[in-house]
Amino acid sequence: DTANGEQDEDCICQVRAKLFKMVPDNETPDTEEDSSALKGDVPSVPSTSGRMTLVKAKKEGEEESRKKSKQSLVKAQESTAGKDGGTKPKLVQKEAGIGPVRILKRKPPMILGRCEEAAKKTNLFARVVQRQETSGGATRVILNVRLLPKTCDVIRRGDLFVQLNAPNGDGALESSLFKVKTSEDADTLENNLNAILEEA
């Protein structure tokens, strides 16, 4: 057995789910030159009637206008970033993977006969971990968030959907949406998350 960091934790709940995360939308290509090259604007056979010089001149003019429009766009973004304090990218929901969602709670330390007192004094935090299922047997962590009672909240988004809002590693609030197979699985996940958050 390999150590995965869960040896000192009890599994409160485990449900198989598909995870959706909110990520920045990057639909536009990096550069317009890259996208125009894919369109096939360049003629494949040179013309002998002198049209190639016209095409080259037209292409050079288009490149200059593209550069000018990019420069003005960058200046406009810089000026709005200065006014607003920064621009926020548009967020879209993307699938992160499928795998078991586990609610883990730290085991109390064993101190010779004083286990209950030690458990009360120490912070027995809980967390949610999800690893993506792969065909090769290896797993990849796609979610690992700590459950903080005053910061996290659980929302039932539908019969098969449970949303968890929890701070990520940077401290920013992040939304994770779980889609489970049955409504019983959604009930189990929602009830166990709420029970952990109400404990502290």
Protein backbone atom coordinates (compact mmCIF):
# COMPACT_ATOMS: atom_id res chain seq x y z
CA ASP A 1 0.00 0.00 0.00
CA THR A 2 1.17 3.51 -0.79
CA ALA A 3 0.59 6.38 1.59
CA ASN A 4 -1.95 8.87 0.26
CA GLY A 5 -2.24 11.19 3.26
CA GLU A 6 -5.51 9.69 4.50
CA GLN A 7 -4.03 7.30 7.07
CA ASP A 8 -4.83 9.58 10.03
CA GLU A 9 -8.36 10.33 8.86
CA ASP A 10 -11.73 8.59 9.08
CA CYS A 11 -13.91 8.41 5.98
CA ILE A 12 -17.32 9.81 6.97
CA CYS A 13 -18.90 9.40 3.55
CA GLN A 14 -17.95 8.22 0.06
CA VAL A 15 -20.06 8.83 -3.05
CA ARG A 16 -19.14 8.50 -6.73
CA ALA A 17 -19.76 11.75 -8.58
CA LYS A 18 -18.87 13.88 -11.58
CA LEU A 19 -17.17 17.14 -10.57
CA PHE A 20 -17.77 20.48 -12.28
CA LYS A 21 -15.62 23.52 -11.45
CA MET A 22 -15.88 27.19 -12.37
CA VAL A 23 -12.87 28.11 -14.54
CA PRO A 24 -11.93 31.19 -16.64
CA ASP A 25 -13.36 31.12 -20.16
CA ASN A 26 -10.60 31.00 -22.81
CA GLU A 27 -12.55 30.61 -26.04
CA THR A 28 -10.61 33.09 -28.17
CA PRO A 29 -7.38 31.96 -29.87
CA ASP A 30 -4.09 33.35 -28.53
CA THR A 31 -3.31 35.40 -31.62
CA GLU A 32 -5.26 36.35 -34.69
CA GLU A 33 -2.34 35.30 -36.88
CA ASP A 34 -2.67 31.74 -35.55
CA SER A 35 -6.38 31.64 -36.31
CA SER A 36 -5.99 33.15 -39.80
CA ALA A 37 -3.31 30.60 -40.67
CA LEU A 38 -5.80 27.85 -39.94
CA LYS A 39 -8.39 29.41 -42.26
CA GLY A 40 -6.22 28.94 -45.35
CA ASP A 41 -5.95 32.59 -46.45
CA VAL A 42 -2.58 31.94 -48.12
CA PRO A 43 -2.88 30.91 -51.80
CA SER A 44 -1.29 27.55 -52.52
CA VAL A 45 -0.30 28.19 -56.17
CA PRO A 46 1.57 31.41 -57.09
CA SER A 47 -0.05 33.44 -59.83
CA THR A 48 1.91 34.67 -62.84
CA SER A 49 -0.38 37.59 -63.55
CA GLY A 50 1.07 39.77 -60.76
CA ARG A 51 -1.73 39.14 -58.28
CA MET A 52 0.72 37.78 -55.67
CA THR A 53 2.19 41.25 -55.08
CA LEU A 54 -1.31 42.59 -54.45
CA VAL A 55 -2.05 39.77 -52.00
CA LYS A 56 1.23 40.40 -50.16
CA ALA A 57 0.57 44.13 -49.92
CA LYS A 58 -2.96 43.50 -48.68
CA LYS A 59 -1.68 41.00 -46.10
CA GLU A 60 0.97 43.44 -44.81
CA GLY A 61 -1.68 46.15 -44.44
CA GLU A 62 -3.94 43.76 -42.51
CA GLU A 63 -1.09 42.78 -40.18
CA GLU A 64 -0.36 46.44 -39.40
CA SER A 65 -4.03 47.13 -38.66
CA ARG A 66 -4.16 44.03 -36.43
CA LYS A 67 -1.13 45.23 -34.47
CA LYS A 68 -2.69 48.68 -34.03
CA SER A 69 -6.01 47.20 -32.88
CA LYS A 70 -4.20 44.89 -30.42
CA GLN A 71 -2.24 47.82 -29.01
CA SER A 72 -5.42 49.87 -28.53
CA LEU A 73 -7.14 46.86 -26.92
CA VAL A 74 -4.23 46.41 -24.48
CA LYS A 75 -4.32 50.12 -23.63
CA ALA A 76 -8.08 49.97 -23.04
CA GLN A 77 -7.68 46.93 -20.77
CA GLU A 78 -4.90 48.66 -18.82
CA SER A 79 -7.02 51.77 -18.33
CA THR A 80 -10.05 49.76 -17.12
CA ALA A 81 -7.81 47.69 -14.85
CA GLY A 82 -6.54 50.90 -13.31
CA LYS A 83 -10.08 52.18 -12.67
CA ASP A 84 -11.63 48.97 -11.36
CA GLY A 85 -8.56 47.63 -9.58
CA GLY A 86 -8.42 44.66 -11.96
CA THR A 87 -10.65 42.91 -14.45
CA LYS A 88 -12.31 39.62 -13.61
CA PRO A 89 -12.33 36.92 -16.27
CA LYS A 90 -15.65 35.38 -17.28
CA LEU A 91 -16.15 32.06 -15.50
CA VAL A 92 -17.72 28.99 -17.07
CA GLN A 93 -18.54 25.57 -15.69
CA LYS A 94 -16.20 22.81 -16.90
CA GLU A 95 -16.08 19.11 -16.08
CA ALA A 96 -13.06 18.24 -13.93
CA GLY A 97 -13.51 14.46 -13.78
CA ILE A 98 -15.38 11.51 -12.30
CA GLY A 99 -14.42 9.66 -9.14
CA PRO A 100 -15.23 8.99 -5.49
CA VAL A 101 -15.95 12.04 -3.33
CA ARG A 102 -14.76 11.39 0.21
CA ILE A 103 -15.52 13.39 3.34
CA LEU A 104 -12.56 12.81 5.67
CA LYS A 105 -12.24 13.80 9.31
CA ARG A 106 -8.99 13.76 11.26
CA LYS A 107 -8.72 11.05 13.90
CA PRO A 108 -8.24 12.26 17.49
CA PRO A 109 -4.70 11.81 18.81
CA MET A 110 -4.17 8.88 21.17
CA ILE A 111 -2.73 10.23 24.43
CA LEU A 112 -2.58 7.53 27.10
CA GLY A 113 -6.10 7.40 28.48
CA ARG A 114 -6.93 11.03 27.71
CA CYS A 115 -8.33 10.59 24.21
CA GLU A 116 -11.59 12.52 24.83
CA GLU A 117 -9.85 15.50 26.46
CA ALA A 118 -7.27 15.67 23.68
CA ALA A 119 -9.97 15.49 21.03
CA LYS A 120 -11.75 18.48 22.56
CA LYS A 121 -8.57 20.57 22.72
CA THR A 122 -7.26 19.81 19.24
CA ASN A 123 -8.81 21.04 16.01
CA LEU A 124 -10.21 17.93 14.29
CA PHE A 125 -10.76 19.46 10.87
CA ALA A 126 -12.55 17.77 8.00
CA ARG A 127 -11.97 18.00 4.29
CA VAL A 128 -13.45 16.85 0.99
CA VAL A 129 -11.18 14.92 -1.38
CA GLN A 130 -12.00 13.65 -4.85
CA ARG A 131 -9.67 11.62 -7.02
CA GLN A 132 -10.27 11.10 -10.73
CA GLU A 133 -10.79 7.51 -11.80
CA THR A 134 -8.38 6.30 -14.47
CA SER A 135 -8.12 3.05 -16.37
CA GLY A 136 -4.48 2.51 -15.38
CA GLY A 137 -5.18 2.33 -11.66
CA ALA A 138 -3.33 5.54 -10.79
CA THR A 139 -5.41 8.39 -9.41
CA ARG A 140 -5.15 12.15 -9.66
CA VAL A 141 -6.51 14.55 -7.04
CA ILE A 142 -9.07 16.88 -8.65
CA LEU A 143 -10.51 18.36 -5.43
CA ASN A 144 -9.04 18.85 -1.96
CA VAL A 145 -10.77 21.48 0.17
CA ARG A 146 -11.00 22.00 3.89
CA LEU A 147 -14.49 22.27 5.41
CA LEU A 148 -14.62 25.47 7.46
CA PRO A 149 -17.98 25.95 9.23
CA LYS A 150 -18.27 29.74 8.94
CA THR A 151 -16.91 29.92 5.39
CA CYS A 152 -18.31 26.88 3.58
CA ASP A 153 -21.88 26.30 2.53
CA VAL A 154 -23.78 23.48 0.83
CA ILE A 155 -26.55 24.09 -1.70
CA ARG A 156 -28.84 21.49 -3.28
CA ARG A 157 -29.04 22.50 -6.95
CA GLY A 158 -31.37 19.73 -8.12
CA ASP A 159 -32.32 16.11 -7.62
CA LEU A 160 -28.82 14.88 -8.54
CA PHE A 161 -26.72 18.02 -7.93
CA VAL A 162 -24.99 19.23 -4.74
CA GLN A 163 -22.87 22.39 -4.71
CA LEU A 164 -20.11 23.04 -2.19
CA ASN A 165 -18.69 26.55 -1.80
CA ALA A 166 -15.37 26.36 0.03
CA PRO A 167 -12.08 28.29 0.08
CA ASN A 168 -9.32 26.91 -2.13
CA GLY A 169 -5.60 26.88 -1.33
CA ASP A 170 -5.32 30.61 -2.06
CA GLY A 171 -8.21 31.43 0.29
CA ALA A 172 -10.59 32.46 -2.51
CA LEU A 173 -14.09 30.98 -2.41
CA GLU A 174 -14.48 28.27 -5.04
CA SER A 175 -17.66 26.52 -6.22
CA SER A 176 -17.63 22.77 -6.80
CA LEU A 177 -20.71 21.09 -8.24
CA PHE A 178 -21.16 17.34 -7.80
CA LYS A 179 -23.48 15.33 -10.04
CA VAL A 180 -24.32 11.94 -8.51
CA LYS A 181 -26.16 8.96 -9.95
CA THR A 182 -29.18 8.82 -7.62
CA SER A 183 -31.09 11.21 -5.39
CA GLU A 184 -30.18 8.98 -2.41
CA ASP A 185 -26.49 9.63 -3.12
CA ALA A 186 -27.20 13.37 -3.30
CA ASP A 187 -29.07 13.19 0.03
CA THR A 188 -26.17 11.29 1.63
CA LEU A 189 -23.57 13.78 0.38
CA GLU A 190 -25.62 16.85 1.34
CA ASN A 191 -26.55 15.55 4.82
CA ASN A 192 -22.99 14.52 5.69
CA LEU A 193 -21.52 17.83 4.50
CA ASN A 194 -24.09 19.77 6.53
CA ALA A 195 -23.48 17.58 9.60
CA ILE A 196 -19.72 18.24 9.46
CA LEU A 197 -20.26 22.00 9.03
CA GLU A 198 -22.72 22.15 11.96
CA GLU A 199 -20.42 20.27 14.36
CA ALA A 200 -18.04 23.15 15.08
